[in-house]
């Protein structure tokens, strides 16, 4: 009986530590932001070789799915272009990530960033989006409907952004703002 209780205790401790390790950290957020310029250059190479069209199709969010843009992109890269996936893994290694870690952190950072941005820049827009009736989508042409469904997946993710992630991302928001501004100018 004592061995059973000790085994259960070890199992509970291991599970608790696994969930505790699931928290987004400031260090992860900083390293992710620091990786963006390198990753953007890699993306430019993929675009120049015509590979981003295929990746865009595979990463389009769909109704009923979680919004995970980086995870889907890396998964699509691995499936469609394994050699480029290997290059990507080497590119982000100096930032302390493997491809799966980077994409998971990226999803959380960007969702929290968008939530912070919406809260600070346009809180009324978020309120209006929350009130949007999904049945309105039924009246749209199929192409527009799929675009709106993708937007709603994003909106739901932003609405459900964990407060803890938003707090962490607020520490790198200025750097992300600068990066986004630089991207818009290109």
C-alpha atoms as a PDB file:
ATOM      1  CA  UNK A   1       0.000   0.000   0.000  1.00  0.00           C
ATOM      2  CA  UNK A   2       2.832   2.365   0.878  1.00  0.00           C
ATOM      3  CA  UNK A   3       4.466   1.747  -2.538  1.00  0.00           C
ATOM      4  CA  UNK A   4       1.153   2.493  -4.248  1.00  0.00           C
ATOM      5  CA  UNK A   5       0.786   5.803  -2.393  1.00  0.00           C
ATOM      6  CA  UNK A   6       4.379   6.746  -3.196  1.00  0.00           C
ATOM      7  CA  UNK A   7       3.796   5.877  -6.885  1.00  0.00           C
ATOM      8  CA  UNK A   8       0.642   7.984  -6.976  1.00  0.00           C
ATOM      9  CA  UNK A   9       2.476  10.837  -5.262  1.00  0.00           C
ATOM     10  CA  UNK A  10       5.317  10.693  -7.795  1.00  0.00           C
ATOM     11  CA  UNK A  11       2.793  10.613 -10.658  1.00  0.00           C
ATOM     12  CA  UNK A  12       0.873  13.616  -9.290  1.00  0.00           C
ATOM     13  CA  UNK A  13       4.157  15.485  -8.722  1.00  0.00           C
ATOM     14  CA  UNK A  14       5.263  14.760 -12.304  1.00  0.00           C
ATOM     15  CA  UNK A  15       1.913  15.882 -13.736  1.00  0.00           C
ATOM     16  CA  UNK A  16       1.919  19.036 -11.608  1.00  0.00           C
ATOM     17  CA  UNK A  17       5.428  19.894 -12.770  1.00  0.00           C
ATOM     18  CA  UNK A  18       4.474  19.273 -16.392  1.00  0.00           C
ATOM     19  CA  UNK A  19       1.580  21.726 -16.132  1.00  0.00           C
ATOM     20  CA  UNK A  20       3.662  24.243 -14.199  1.00  0.00           C
ATOM     21  CA  UNK A  21       6.244  24.107 -16.997  1.00  0.00           C
ATOM     22  CA  UNK A  22       3.488  24.962 -19.475  1.00  0.00           C
ATOM     23  CA  UNK A  23       3.467  28.607 -18.394  1.00  0.00           C
ATOM     24  CA  UNK A  24       4.756  31.090 -20.945  1.00  0.00           C
ATOM     25  CA  UNK A  25       7.852  32.783 -19.551  1.00  0.00           C
ATOM     26  CA  UNK A  26       9.352  36.203 -20.192  1.00  0.00           C
ATOM     27  CA  UNK A  27      12.525  34.488 -21.362  1.00  0.00           C
ATOM     28  CA  UNK A  28      10.622  32.483 -23.980  1.00  0.00           C
ATOM     29  CA  UNK A  29       8.781  35.589 -25.168  1.00  0.00           C
ATOM     30  CA  UNK A  30      12.036  37.573 -25.451  1.00  0.00           C
ATOM     31  CA  UNK A  31      13.813  34.796 -27.325  1.00  0.00           C
ATOM     32  CA  UNK A  32      10.851  34.444 -29.686  1.00  0.00           C
ATOM     33  CA  UNK A  33      10.852  38.165 -30.474  1.00  0.00           C
ATOM     34  CA  UNK A  34      14.629  38.080 -30.982  1.00  0.00           C
ATOM     35  CA  UNK A  35      14.187  35.271 -33.525  1.00  0.00           C
ATOM     36  CA  UNK A  36      11.689  37.138 -35.702  1.00  0.00           C
ATOM     37  CA  UNK A  37      14.155  38.969 -37.945  1.00  0.00           C
ATOM     38  CA  UNK A  38      15.968  35.730 -38.788  1.00  0.00           C
ATOM     39  CA  UNK A  39      12.696  33.903 -39.339  1.00  0.00           C
ATOM     40  CA  UNK A  40      11.407  36.743 -41.526  1.00  0.00           C
ATOM     41  CA  UNK A  41      14.491  36.436 -43.743  1.00  0.00           C
ATOM     42  CA  UNK A  42      13.870  32.696 -44.003  1.00  0.00           C
ATOM     43  CA  UNK A  43      10.248  33.418 -44.937  1.00  0.00           C
ATOM     44  CA  UNK A  44      11.422  35.797 -47.645  1.00  0.00           C
ATOM     45  CA  UNK A  45      13.557  32.984 -49.110  1.00  0.00           C
ATOM     46  CA  UNK A  46      10.565  30.620 -49.099  1.00  0.00           C
ATOM     47  CA  UNK A  47       8.430  33.263 -50.783  1.00  0.00           C
ATOM     48  CA  UNK A  48      11.041  33.913 -53.449  1.00  0.00           C
ATOM     49  CA  UNK A  49      11.122  30.195 -54.238  1.00  0.00           C
ATOM     50  CA  UNK A  50       7.302  30.069 -54.500  1.00  0.00           C
ATOM     51  CA  UNK A  51       6.791  27.836 -51.487  1.00  0.00           C
ATOM     52  CA  UNK A  52       4.661  30.149 -49.355  1.00  0.00           C
ATOM     53  CA  UNK A  53       1.548  29.711 -51.502  1.00  0.00           C
ATOM     54  CA  UNK A  54       1.327  26.035 -50.541  1.00  0.00           C
ATOM     55  CA  UNK A  55       2.042  26.843 -46.888  1.00  0.00           C
ATOM     56  CA  UNK A  56      -0.669  29.528 -46.831  1.00  0.00           C
ATOM     57  CA  UNK A  57      -3.263  26.994 -47.954  1.00  0.00           C
ATOM     58  CA  UNK A  58      -2.218  24.509 -45.262  1.00  0.00           C
ATOM     59  CA  UNK A  59      -2.238  27.103 -42.497  1.00  0.00           C
ATOM     60  CA  UNK A  60      -5.579  28.795 -43.183  1.00  0.00           C
ATOM     61  CA  UNK A  61      -7.630  28.582 -39.947  1.00  0.00           C
ATOM     62  CA  UNK A  62     -10.900  26.730 -40.195  1.00  0.00           C
ATOM     63  CA  UNK A  63     -14.042  26.841 -38.062  1.00  0.00           C
ATOM     64  CA  UNK A  64     -13.800  24.483 -35.104  1.00  0.00           C
ATOM     65  CA  UNK A  65     -10.002  24.535 -35.039  1.00  0.00           C
ATOM     66  CA  UNK A  66      -7.753  26.341 -32.616  1.00  0.00           C
ATOM     67  CA  UNK A  67      -5.900  29.349 -33.963  1.00  0.00           C
ATOM     68  CA  UNK A  68      -2.284  28.175 -34.131  1.00  0.00           C
ATOM     69  CA  UNK A  69      -0.639  29.998 -37.034  1.00  0.00           C
ATOM     70  CA  UNK A  70       2.972  29.179 -36.218  1.00  0.00           C
ATOM     71  CA  UNK A  71       2.292  25.566 -35.255  1.00  0.00           C
ATOM     72  CA  UNK A  72       0.366  24.998 -38.480  1.00  0.00           C
ATOM     73  CA  UNK A  73       3.036  26.734 -40.567  1.00  0.00           C
ATOM     74  CA  UNK A  74       5.859  24.669 -39.097  1.00  0.00           C
ATOM     75  CA  UNK A  75       3.835  21.474 -39.473  1.00  0.00           C
ATOM     76  CA  UNK A  76       3.103  22.329 -43.118  1.00  0.00           C
ATOM     77  CA  UNK A  77       6.769  23.183 -43.680  1.00  0.00           C
ATOM     78  CA  UNK A  78       7.824  19.829 -42.221  1.00  0.00           C
ATOM     79  CA  UNK A  79       5.303  17.921 -44.371  1.00  0.00           C
ATOM     80  CA  UNK A  80       5.794  19.770 -47.655  1.00  0.00           C
ATOM     81  CA  UNK A  81       9.420  20.892 -47.533  1.00  0.00           C
ATOM     82  CA  UNK A  82      11.438  18.709 -45.120  1.00  0.00           C
ATOM     83  CA  UNK A  83      14.815  20.149 -46.182  1.00  0.00           C
ATOM     84  CA  UNK A  84      13.579  23.684 -45.462  1.00  0.00           C
ATOM     85  CA  UNK A  85      12.161  22.478 -42.149  1.00  0.00           C
ATOM     86  CA  UNK A  86      15.653  21.244 -41.238  1.00  0.00           C
ATOM     87  CA  UNK A  87      17.142  24.606 -42.184  1.00  0.00           C
ATOM     88  CA  UNK A  88      14.487  26.347 -40.068  1.00  0.00           C
ATOM     89  CA  UNK A  89      15.275  24.130 -37.071  1.00  0.00           C
ATOM     90  CA  UNK A  90      18.939  25.115 -37.351  1.00  0.00           C
ATOM     91  CA  UNK A  91      18.017  28.785 -37.750  1.00  0.00           C
ATOM     92  CA  UNK A  92      16.131  28.984 -34.463  1.00  0.00           C
ATOM     93  CA  UNK A  93      18.431  26.718 -32.480  1.00  0.00           C
ATOM     94  CA  UNK A  94      20.660  29.643 -31.370  1.00  0.00           C
ATOM     95  CA  UNK A  95      17.511  31.176 -29.835  1.00  0.00           C
ATOM     96  CA  UNK A  96      17.125  28.130 -27.598  1.00  0.00           C
ATOM     97  CA  UNK A  97      14.161  26.527 -29.367  1.00  0.00           C
ATOM     98  CA  UNK A  98      13.422  23.461 -31.404  1.00  0.00           C
ATOM     99  CA  UNK A  99      10.821  23.969 -34.143  1.00  0.00           C
ATOM    100  CA  UNK A 100       7.873  22.705 -32.080  1.00  0.00           C
ATOM    101  CA  UNK A 101       8.789  24.809 -29.051  1.00  0.00           C
ATOM    102  CA  UNK A 102       9.257  27.900 -31.199  1.00  0.00           C
ATOM    103  CA  UNK A 103       5.920  27.489 -32.930  1.00  0.00           C
ATOM    104  CA  UNK A 104       4.030  26.853 -29.675  1.00  0.00           C
ATOM    105  CA  UNK A 105       5.608  29.874 -28.012  1.00  0.00           C
ATOM    106  CA  UNK A 106       4.962  31.939 -31.139  1.00  0.00           C
ATOM    107  CA  UNK A 107       1.277  31.060 -31.143  1.00  0.00           C
ATOM    108  CA  UNK A 108       0.902  32.099 -27.519  1.00  0.00           C
ATOM    109  CA  UNK A 109       2.953  35.280 -27.880  1.00  0.00           C
ATOM    110  CA  UNK A 110       1.082  36.485 -30.954  1.00  0.00           C
ATOM    111  CA  UNK A 111      -2.376  35.684 -29.591  1.00  0.00           C
ATOM    112  CA  UNK A 112      -1.574  37.504 -26.361  1.00  0.00           C
ATOM    113  CA  UNK A 113      -0.048  40.380 -28.356  1.00  0.00           C
ATOM    114  CA  UNK A 114      -3.175  40.721 -30.473  1.00  0.00           C
ATOM    115  CA  UNK A 115      -5.346  40.636 -27.345  1.00  0.00           C
ATOM    116  CA  UNK A 116      -3.256  43.373 -25.725  1.00  0.00           C
ATOM    117  CA  UNK A 117      -3.325  45.405 -28.901  1.00  0.00           C
ATOM    118  CA  UNK A 118      -7.111  45.124 -29.219  1.00  0.00           C
ATOM    119  CA  UNK A 119      -7.627  46.014 -25.554  1.00  0.00           C
ATOM    120  CA  UNK A 120      -5.417  49.066 -25.787  1.00  0.00           C
ATOM    121  CA  UNK A 121      -6.096  50.300 -29.304  1.00  0.00           C
ATOM    122  CA  UNK A 122      -9.716  49.435 -30.050  1.00  0.00           C
ATOM    123  CA  UNK A 123     -11.725  47.895 -27.183  1.00  0.00           C
ATOM    124  CA  UNK A 124     -15.027  48.663 -28.960  1.00  0.00           C
ATOM    125  CA  UNK A 125     -14.022  46.516 -31.949  1.00  0.00           C
ATOM    126  CA  UNK A 126     -13.535  43.511 -29.683  1.00  0.00           C
ATOM    127  CA  UNK A 127     -16.933  44.078 -28.086  1.00  0.00           C
ATOM    128  CA  UNK A 128     -18.583  44.278 -31.526  1.00  0.00           C
ATOM    129  CA  UNK A 129     -16.861  41.117 -32.674  1.00  0.00           C
ATOM    130  CA  UNK A 130     -18.076  39.256 -29.581  1.00  0.00           C
ATOM    131  CA  UNK A 131     -21.657  40.120 -30.513  1.00  0.00           C
ATOM    132  CA  UNK A 132     -21.354  38.935 -34.106  1.00  0.00           C
ATOM    133  CA  UNK A 133     -23.905  36.250 -34.944  1.00  0.00           C
ATOM    134  CA  UNK A 134     -22.392  33.248 -36.745  1.00  0.00           C
ATOM    135  CA  UNK A 135     -25.650  32.653 -38.603  1.00  0.00           C
ATOM    136  CA  UNK A 136     -24.865  35.791 -40.644  1.00  0.00           C
ATOM    137  CA  UNK A 137     -22.131  33.766 -42.342  1.00  0.00           C
ATOM    138  CA  UNK A 138     -24.690  31.546 -44.034  1.00  0.00           C
ATOM    139  CA  UNK A 139     -25.697  34.410 -46.327  1.00  0.00           C
ATOM    140  CA  UNK A 140     -22.176  35.059 -47.602  1.00  0.00           C
ATOM    141  CA  UNK A 141     -20.635  33.728 -50.823  1.00  0.00           C
ATOM    142  CA  UNK A 142     -18.459  30.638 -50.117  1.00  0.00           C
ATOM    143  CA  UNK A 143     -15.088  32.400 -50.536  1.00  0.00           C
ATOM    144  CA  UNK A 144     -16.051  35.294 -48.288  1.00  0.00           C
ATOM    145  CA  UNK A 145     -17.619  32.876 -45.812  1.00  0.00           C
ATOM    146  CA  UNK A 146     -14.352  30.941 -45.413  1.00  0.00           C
ATOM    147  CA  UNK A 147     -12.444  34.217 -44.895  1.00  0.00           C
ATOM    148  CA  UNK A 148     -14.931  35.330 -42.248  1.00  0.00           C
ATOM    149  CA  UNK A 149     -14.794  31.927 -40.532  1.00  0.00           C
ATOM    150  CA  UNK A 150     -10.997  32.228 -40.392  1.00  0.00           C
ATOM    151  CA  UNK A 151     -11.362  35.692 -38.885  1.00  0.00           C
ATOM    152  CA  UNK A 152     -13.759  34.356 -36.273  1.00  0.00           C
ATOM    153  CA  UNK A 153     -11.263  31.642 -35.302  1.00  0.00           C
ATOM    154  CA  UNK A 154      -8.725  34.408 -34.706  1.00  0.00           C
ATOM    155  CA  UNK A 155     -11.233  36.494 -32.750  1.00  0.00           C
ATOM    156  CA  UNK A 156     -12.105  33.561 -30.512  1.00  0.00           C
ATOM    157  CA  UNK A 157      -8.423  32.910 -29.821  1.00  0.00           C
ATOM    158  CA  UNK A 158      -7.827  36.560 -28.956  1.00  0.00           C
ATOM    159  CA  UNK A 159     -10.899  36.672 -26.720  1.00  0.00           C
ATOM    160  CA  UNK A 160      -9.643  33.617 -24.847  1.00  0.00           C
ATOM    161  CA  UNK A 161      -6.018  34.726 -24.513  1.00  0.00           C
ATOM    162  CA  UNK A 162      -4.804  33.767 -21.034  1.00  0.00           C
ATOM    163  CA  UNK A 163      -4.219  36.727 -18.740  1.00  0.00           C
ATOM    164  CA  UNK A 164      -0.895  35.195 -17.657  1.00  0.00           C
ATOM    165  CA  UNK A 165       0.290  35.132 -21.292  1.00  0.00           C
ATOM    166  CA  UNK A 166      -0.848  38.723 -21.780  1.00  0.00           C
ATOM    167  CA  UNK A 167       1.107  39.790 -18.702  1.00  0.00           C
ATOM    168  CA  UNK A 168       4.266  38.108 -20.018  1.00  0.00           C
ATOM    169  CA  UNK A 169       3.822  39.512 -23.523  1.00  0.00           C
ATOM    170  CA  UNK A 170       3.315  43.019 -22.144  1.00  0.00           C
ATOM    171  CA  UNK A 171       7.036  42.905 -21.256  1.00  0.00           C
ATOM    172  CA  UNK A 172       7.955  42.539 -24.958  1.00  0.00           C
ATOM    173  CA  UNK A 173       5.085  44.506 -26.476  1.00  0.00           C
ATOM    174  CA  UNK A 174       7.260  47.493 -27.379  1.00  0.00           C
ATOM    175  CA  UNK A 175       9.651  45.223 -29.292  1.00  0.00           C
ATOM    176  CA  UNK A 176       6.743  43.503 -31.054  1.00  0.00           C
ATOM    177  CA  UNK A 177       5.198  46.864 -31.920  1.00  0.00           C
ATOM    178  CA  UNK A 178       8.498  47.949 -33.488  1.00  0.00           C
ATOM    179  CA  UNK A 179       8.778  44.679 -35.416  1.00  0.00           C
ATOM    180  CA  UNK A 180       5.201  44.930 -36.706  1.00  0.00           C
ATOM    181  CA  UNK A 181       5.688  48.536 -37.725  1.00  0.00           C
ATOM    182  CA  UNK A 182       8.848  47.600 -39.615  1.00  0.00           C
ATOM    183  CA  UNK A 183       6.962  44.779 -41.390  1.00  0.00           C
ATOM    184  CA  UNK A 184       4.190  47.137 -42.485  1.00  0.00           C
ATOM    185  CA  UNK A 185       6.718  49.480 -44.071  1.00  0.00           C
ATOM    186  CA  UNK A 186       8.235  46.733 -46.196  1.00  0.00           C
END
